[in-house]
Amino acid sequence: MAGTGCKIADNLRRSAGFYAAIAIACWATVATAFKWGLADLTPAVLLFIANTSAIATLFLLLVTTEKRGDLFSVERKKKIKKEKKE
């Protein structure tokens, strides 16, 4: 039992390092994209594109990981009520 805590801690350290590397890579990519984008686009258009892509990405993550919470719960409740009536 004493060794399991160490294994969990090692796994957490590895995953934390992995996520930190991804965050740093994304941060650098976004900064470069904004720099290049500001050369050709107005700030308002650039922010619109950035916000739209962020919302789309988060929506896709919610749908694919099935952690959408109450996002589609209204549809499910209607289906459940129909099934109970029958």
N, C-alpha and C. Protein backbone atom coordinates (compact mmCIF):
# COMPACT_ATOMS: atom_id res chain seq x y z
N MET A 1 0.81 -1.19 0.00
CA MET A 1 0.00 0.00 0.00
C MET A 1 0.86 1.26 0.00
N ALA A 2 2.06 1.15 0.56
CA ALA A 2 2.91 2.34 0.65
C ALA A 2 3.42 2.77 -0.72
N GLY A 3 3.58 1.83 -1.64
CA GLY A 3 4.11 2.16 -2.96
C GLY A 3 3.10 2.80 -3.90
N THR A 4 1.81 2.64 -3.65
CA THR A 4 0.80 3.16 -4.57
C THR A 4 0.75 4.68 -4.58
N GLY A 5 0.99 5.31 -3.45
CA GLY A 5 1.00 6.77 -3.40
C GLY A 5 2.12 7.35 -4.23
N CYS A 6 3.25 6.70 -4.22
CA CYS A 6 4.39 7.16 -5.00
C CYS A 6 4.11 7.02 -6.49
N LYS A 7 3.47 5.92 -6.87
CA LYS A 7 3.12 5.72 -8.29
C LYS A 7 2.13 6.77 -8.76
N ILE A 8 1.16 7.08 -7.92
CA ILE A 8 0.17 8.10 -8.28
C ILE A 8 0.84 9.46 -8.42
N ALA A 9 1.74 9.78 -7.50
CA ALA A 9 2.45 11.05 -7.55
C ALA A 9 3.30 11.15 -8.81
N ASP A 10 3.96 10.05 -9.19
CA ASP A 10 4.76 10.06 -10.40
C ASP A 10 3.90 10.26 -11.64
N ASN A 11 2.74 9.60 -11.67
CA ASN A 11 1.83 9.78 -12.80
C ASN A 11 1.33 11.22 -12.88
N LEU A 12 1.02 11.81 -11.74
CA LEU A 12 0.56 13.19 -11.73
C LEU A 12 1.65 14.15 -12.19
N ARG A 13 2.89 13.89 -11.78
CA ARG A 13 4.00 14.75 -12.21
C ARG A 13 4.20 14.66 -13.72
N ARG A 14 4.12 13.44 -14.26
CA ARG A 14 4.29 13.27 -15.71
C ARG A 14 3.17 13.97 -16.48
N SER A 15 1.94 13.79 -16.02
CA SER A 15 0.83 14.42 -16.73
C SER A 15 0.87 15.94 -16.57
N ALA A 16 1.30 16.43 -15.42
CA ALA A 16 1.41 17.88 -15.22
C ALA A 16 2.46 18.47 -16.15
N GLY A 17 3.57 17.78 -16.30
CA GLY A 17 4.61 18.24 -17.23
C GLY A 17 4.11 18.23 -18.67
N PHE A 18 3.36 17.21 -19.03
CA PHE A 18 2.81 17.11 -20.39
C PHE A 18 1.86 18.27 -20.66
N TYR A 19 0.94 18.53 -19.72
CA TYR A 19 -0.01 19.61 -19.92
C TYR A 19 0.67 20.98 -19.89
N ALA A 20 1.71 21.12 -19.11
CA ALA A 20 2.46 22.38 -19.09
C ALA A 20 3.14 22.62 -20.44
N ALA A 21 3.70 21.58 -21.02
CA ALA A 21 4.35 21.71 -22.33
C ALA A 21 3.33 22.08 -23.41
N ILE A 22 2.16 21.48 -23.35
CA ILE A 22 1.11 21.81 -24.32
C ILE A 22 0.66 23.26 -24.15
N ALA A 23 0.50 23.70 -22.90
CA ALA A 23 0.08 25.08 -22.64
C ALA A 23 1.11 26.08 -23.16
N ILE A 24 2.38 25.78 -22.95
CA ILE A 24 3.44 26.67 -23.44
C ILE A 24 3.45 26.72 -24.96
N ALA A 25 3.29 25.57 -25.60
CA ALA A 25 3.27 25.53 -27.07
C ALA A 25 2.07 26.30 -27.62
N CYS A 26 0.92 26.14 -26.99
CA CYS A 26 -0.28 26.86 -27.44
C CYS A 26 -0.12 28.37 -27.23
N TRP A 27 0.45 28.74 -26.09
CA TRP A 27 0.64 30.15 -25.80
C TRP A 27 1.54 30.80 -26.84
N ALA A 28 2.61 30.14 -27.20
CA ALA A 28 3.53 30.67 -28.20
C ALA A 28 2.86 30.74 -29.57
N THR A 29 2.08 29.73 -29.90
CA THR A 29 1.40 29.71 -31.20
C THR A 29 0.39 30.83 -31.30
N VAL A 30 -0.38 31.04 -30.25
CA VAL A 30 -1.40 32.09 -30.27
C VAL A 30 -0.74 33.46 -30.36
N ALA A 31 0.33 33.66 -29.65
CA ALA A 31 1.02 34.95 -29.70
C ALA A 31 1.53 35.24 -31.11
N THR A 32 2.10 34.24 -31.76
CA THR A 32 2.59 34.41 -33.13
C THR A 32 1.44 34.65 -34.09
N ALA A 33 0.35 33.92 -33.93
CA ALA A 33 -0.81 34.09 -34.81
C ALA A 33 -1.40 35.50 -34.66
N PHE A 34 -1.47 36.01 -33.43
CA PHE A 34 -1.97 37.36 -33.23
C PHE A 34 -1.04 38.39 -33.87
N LYS A 35 0.25 38.17 -33.77
CA LYS A 35 1.21 39.10 -34.36
C LYS A 35 1.04 39.14 -35.88
N TRP A 36 0.96 37.99 -36.50
CA TRP A 36 0.77 37.93 -37.95
C TRP A 36 -0.61 38.44 -38.35
N GLY A 37 -1.62 38.13 -37.54
CA GLY A 37 -2.97 38.57 -37.85
C GLY A 37 -3.14 40.07 -37.77
N LEU A 38 -2.49 40.70 -36.81
CA LEU A 38 -2.60 42.15 -36.67
C LEU A 38 -1.97 42.89 -37.84
N ALA A 39 -1.08 42.23 -38.57
CA ALA A 39 -0.47 42.86 -39.73
C ALA A 39 -1.49 43.02 -40.86
N ASP A 40 -2.49 42.13 -40.94
CA ASP A 40 -3.44 42.15 -42.05
C ASP A 40 -4.88 42.45 -41.64
N LEU A 41 -5.25 42.18 -40.40
CA LEU A 41 -6.64 42.31 -39.96
C LEU A 41 -6.78 43.41 -38.91
N THR A 42 -7.99 43.89 -38.77
CA THR A 42 -8.25 44.85 -37.69
C THR A 42 -8.35 44.07 -36.38
N PRO A 43 -8.11 44.73 -35.26
CA PRO A 43 -8.21 44.02 -33.98
C PRO A 43 -9.58 43.42 -33.72
N ALA A 44 -10.65 44.09 -34.15
CA ALA A 44 -12.00 43.57 -33.93
C ALA A 44 -12.21 42.26 -34.69
N VAL A 45 -11.77 42.21 -35.93
CA VAL A 45 -11.92 40.99 -36.72
C VAL A 45 -11.07 39.87 -36.13
N LEU A 46 -9.88 40.20 -35.70
CA LEU A 46 -9.00 39.20 -35.11
C LEU A 46 -9.59 38.63 -33.82
N LEU A 47 -10.16 39.47 -32.99
CA LEU A 47 -10.80 39.00 -31.76
C LEU A 47 -12.04 38.16 -32.06
N PHE A 48 -12.78 38.54 -33.08
CA PHE A 48 -13.95 37.75 -33.47
C PHE A 48 -13.53 36.35 -33.90
N ILE A 49 -12.50 36.26 -34.71
CA ILE A 49 -12.01 34.95 -35.16
C ILE A 49 -11.50 34.13 -33.99
N ALA A 50 -10.76 34.77 -33.09
CA ALA A 50 -10.21 34.06 -31.93
C ALA A 50 -11.33 33.54 -31.02
N ASN A 51 -12.32 34.37 -30.75
CA ASN A 51 -13.43 33.95 -29.88
C ASN A 51 -14.26 32.85 -30.53
N THR A 52 -14.53 32.98 -31.81
CA THR A 52 -15.32 31.97 -32.51
C THR A 52 -14.60 30.63 -32.52
N SER A 53 -13.31 30.64 -32.78
CA SER A 53 -12.57 29.38 -32.80
C SER A 53 -12.47 28.78 -31.40
N ALA A 54 -12.35 29.61 -30.36
CA ALA A 54 -12.30 29.09 -28.99
C ALA A 54 -13.63 28.46 -28.59
N ILE A 55 -14.73 29.11 -28.94
CA ILE A 55 -16.05 28.56 -28.61
C ILE A 55 -16.27 27.25 -29.35
N ALA A 56 -15.90 27.21 -30.63
CA ALA A 56 -16.06 25.98 -31.41
C ALA A 56 -15.22 24.85 -30.84
N THR A 57 -13.99 25.15 -30.44
CA THR A 57 -13.12 24.13 -29.88
C THR A 57 -13.67 23.59 -28.56
N LEU A 58 -14.12 24.48 -27.69
CA LEU A 58 -14.68 24.04 -26.41
C LEU A 58 -15.96 23.23 -26.62
N PHE A 59 -16.79 23.64 -27.57
CA PHE A 59 -18.00 22.89 -27.86
C PHE A 59 -17.67 21.48 -28.34
N LEU A 60 -16.69 21.37 -29.25
CA LEU A 60 -16.28 20.05 -29.73
C LEU A 60 -15.72 19.19 -28.61
N LEU A 61 -14.96 19.79 -27.72
CA LEU A 61 -14.44 19.03 -26.57
C LEU A 61 -15.56 18.55 -25.67
N LEU A 62 -16.55 19.39 -25.43
CA LEU A 62 -17.68 18.99 -24.60
C LEU A 62 -18.45 17.83 -25.23
N VAL A 63 -18.66 17.90 -26.52
CA VAL A 63 -19.43 16.87 -27.20
C VAL A 63 -18.65 15.56 -27.30
N THR A 64 -17.38 15.63 -27.63
CA THR A 64 -16.60 14.41 -27.83
C THR A 64 -16.24 13.71 -26.52
N THR A 65 -16.09 14.46 -25.43
CA THR A 65 -15.75 13.83 -24.16
C THR A 65 -16.98 13.47 -23.35
N GLU A 66 -18.14 13.78 -23.87
CA GLU A 66 -19.42 13.49 -23.22
C GLU A 66 -19.51 14.12 -21.83
N LYS A 67 -18.91 15.29 -21.67
CA LYS A 67 -19.00 16.03 -20.42
C LYS A 67 -19.80 17.30 -20.64
N ARG A 68 -20.85 17.19 -21.41
CA ARG A 68 -21.60 18.37 -21.79
C ARG A 68 -22.57 18.85 -20.73
N GLY A 69 -22.74 18.10 -19.67
CA GLY A 69 -23.58 18.54 -18.56
C GLY A 69 -25.01 18.79 -18.98
N ASP A 70 -25.48 19.97 -18.75
CA ASP A 70 -26.86 20.32 -19.05
C ASP A 70 -27.02 20.89 -20.45
N LEU A 71 -26.03 20.79 -21.27
CA LEU A 71 -26.07 21.40 -22.59
C LEU A 71 -27.22 20.86 -23.43
N PHE A 72 -27.41 19.56 -23.42
CA PHE A 72 -28.47 18.94 -24.20
C PHE A 72 -29.52 18.25 -23.32
N SER A 73 -29.60 18.62 -22.07
CA SER A 73 -30.50 17.92 -21.15
C SER A 73 -31.97 18.15 -21.47
N VAL A 74 -32.32 19.25 -22.10
CA VAL A 74 -33.72 19.53 -22.43
C VAL A 74 -34.24 18.47 -23.39
N GLU A 75 -33.44 18.12 -24.39
CA GLU A 75 -33.83 17.10 -25.35
C GLU A 75 -34.06 15.76 -24.66
N ARG A 76 -33.18 15.41 -23.75
CA ARG A 76 -33.28 14.13 -23.05
C ARG A 76 -34.54 14.06 -22.20
N LYS A 77 -34.87 15.16 -21.54
CA LYS A 77 -36.05 15.18 -20.68
C LYS A 77 -37.32 14.97 -21.50
N LYS A 78 -37.38 15.55 -22.69
CA LYS A 78 -38.54 15.35 -23.55
C LYS A 78 -38.67 13.90 -23.96
N LYS A 79 -37.55 13.27 -24.29
CA LYS A 79 -37.57 11.87 -24.68
C LYS A 79 -38.01 10.98 -23.52
N ILE A 80 -37.54 11.29 -22.33
CA ILE A 80 -37.89 10.50 -21.15
C ILE A 80 -39.39 10.63 -20.87
N LYS A 81 -39.94 11.83 -20.98
CA LYS A 81 -41.36 12.04 -20.74
C LYS A 81 -42.20 11.28 -21.77
N LYS A 82 -41.76 11.25 -23.02
CA LYS A 82 -42.49 10.51 -24.07
C LYS A 82 -42.48 9.02 -23.77
N GLU A 83 -41.33 8.51 -23.31
CA GLU A 83 -41.23 7.09 -23.01
C GLU A 83 -42.11 6.72 -21.81
N LYS A 84 -42.24 7.59 -20.83
CA LYS A 84 -43.05 7.30 -19.65
C LYS A 84 -44.54 7.28 -20.01
N LYS A 85 -44.96 8.11 -20.96
CA LYS A 85 -46.37 8.15 -21.36
C LYS A 85 -46.79 6.87 -22.05
N GLU A 86 -45.88 6.25 -22.78
CA GLU A 86 -46.19 5.03 -23.51
C GLU A 86 -46.23 3.87 -22.56
